[in-house]
Each structure stands twice: as C-alpha cells, then as structure tokens.
Amino acid sequence: MACVFGLLVTLVWIYLEMLRLLAKFNLEGERLEPRLVDP
C-alpha cells in the first residue's frame, strides 16, 4: 500500500511541475507577443 501511495504522490508532483512549467511558458509568451506586435 505504501508503494501505491508513493507512486500517486510522484504522479501528482510531476503533474504540478508540468503545470508550473506551462504557466511559466504562457507568461513568457504573453510578454513576447507585445514585442512582436509593436515595431
């Protein structure tokens, strides 16, 4: 049972890390878009 719990915690941690990276990329994209639009 402990192995299953550890696996779930690992999967949740990876999921949160992916969300954090995607959020960072989205913020960087929003920052870059105005630069590309403005001459």
C-alpha atoms as a PDB file:
ATOM      1  CA  MET A   1       0.000   0.000   0.000  1.00  0.00           C
ATOM      2  CA  ALA A   2       2.866   2.353   0.745  1.00  0.00           C
ATOM      3  CA  CYS A   3       4.249   1.782  -2.775  1.00  0.00           C
ATOM      4  CA  VAL A   4       0.938   2.810  -4.342  1.00  0.00           C
ATOM      5  CA  PHE A   5       0.793   5.941  -2.175  1.00  0.00           C
ATOM      6  CA  GLY A   6       4.352   6.879  -3.149  1.00  0.00           C
ATOM      7  CA  LEU A   7       3.511   6.376  -6.831  1.00  0.00           C
ATOM      8  CA  LEU A   8       0.452   8.626  -6.550  1.00  0.00           C
ATOM      9  CA  VAL A   9       2.468  11.343  -4.800  1.00  0.00           C
ATOM     10  CA  THR A  10       5.113  11.146  -7.540  1.00  0.00           C
ATOM     11  CA  LEU A  11       2.495  11.416 -10.296  1.00  0.00           C
ATOM     12  CA  VAL A  12       0.810  14.389  -8.608  1.00  0.00           C
ATOM     13  CA  TRP A  13       4.189  16.108  -8.146  1.00  0.00           C
ATOM     14  CA  ILE A  14       5.072  15.594 -11.832  1.00  0.00           C
ATOM     15  CA  TYR A  15       1.616  16.908 -12.807  1.00  0.00           C
ATOM     16  CA  LEU A  16       2.090  20.063 -10.710  1.00  0.00           C
ATOM     17  CA  GLU A  17       5.606  20.587 -12.091  1.00  0.00           C
ATOM     18  CA  MET A  18       4.232  20.350 -15.653  1.00  0.00           C
ATOM     19  CA  LEU A  19       1.500  22.875 -14.830  1.00  0.00           C
ATOM     20  CA  ARG A  20       4.086  25.224 -13.327  1.00  0.00           C
ATOM     21  CA  LEU A  21       6.306  24.974 -16.419  1.00  0.00           C
ATOM     22  CA  LEU A  22       3.345  25.503 -18.753  1.00  0.00           C
ATOM     23  CA  ALA A  23       2.273  28.567 -16.740  1.00  0.00           C
ATOM     24  CA  LYS A  24       5.818  29.965 -16.966  1.00  0.00           C
ATOM     25  CA  PHE A  25       5.917  29.404 -20.737  1.00  0.00           C
ATOM     26  CA  ASN A  26       2.484  31.036 -21.101  1.00  0.00           C
ATOM     27  CA  LEU A  27       3.641  34.103 -19.149  1.00  0.00           C
ATOM     28  CA  GLU A  28       6.790  34.362 -21.273  1.00  0.00           C
ATOM     29  CA  GLY A  29       4.653  34.055 -24.421  1.00  0.00           C
ATOM     30  CA  GLU A  30       2.373  36.875 -23.286  1.00  0.00           C
ATOM     31  CA  ARG A  31       5.425  39.040 -22.588  1.00  0.00           C
ATOM     32  CA  LEU A  32       6.936  38.315 -26.013  1.00  0.00           C
ATOM     33  CA  GLU A  33       3.743  38.860 -28.033  1.00  0.00           C
ATOM     34  CA  PRO A  34       3.557  42.677 -27.492  1.00  0.00           C
ATOM     35  CA  ARG A  35       7.223  42.958 -28.516  1.00  0.00           C
ATOM     36  CA  LEU A  36       6.497  41.130 -31.780  1.00  0.00           C
ATOM     37  CA  VAL A  37       3.367  43.225 -32.454  1.00  0.00           C
ATOM     38  CA  ASP A  38       4.945  46.604 -31.720  1.00  0.00           C
ATOM     39  CA  PRO A  39       7.535  47.735 -34.291  1.00  0.00           C
END
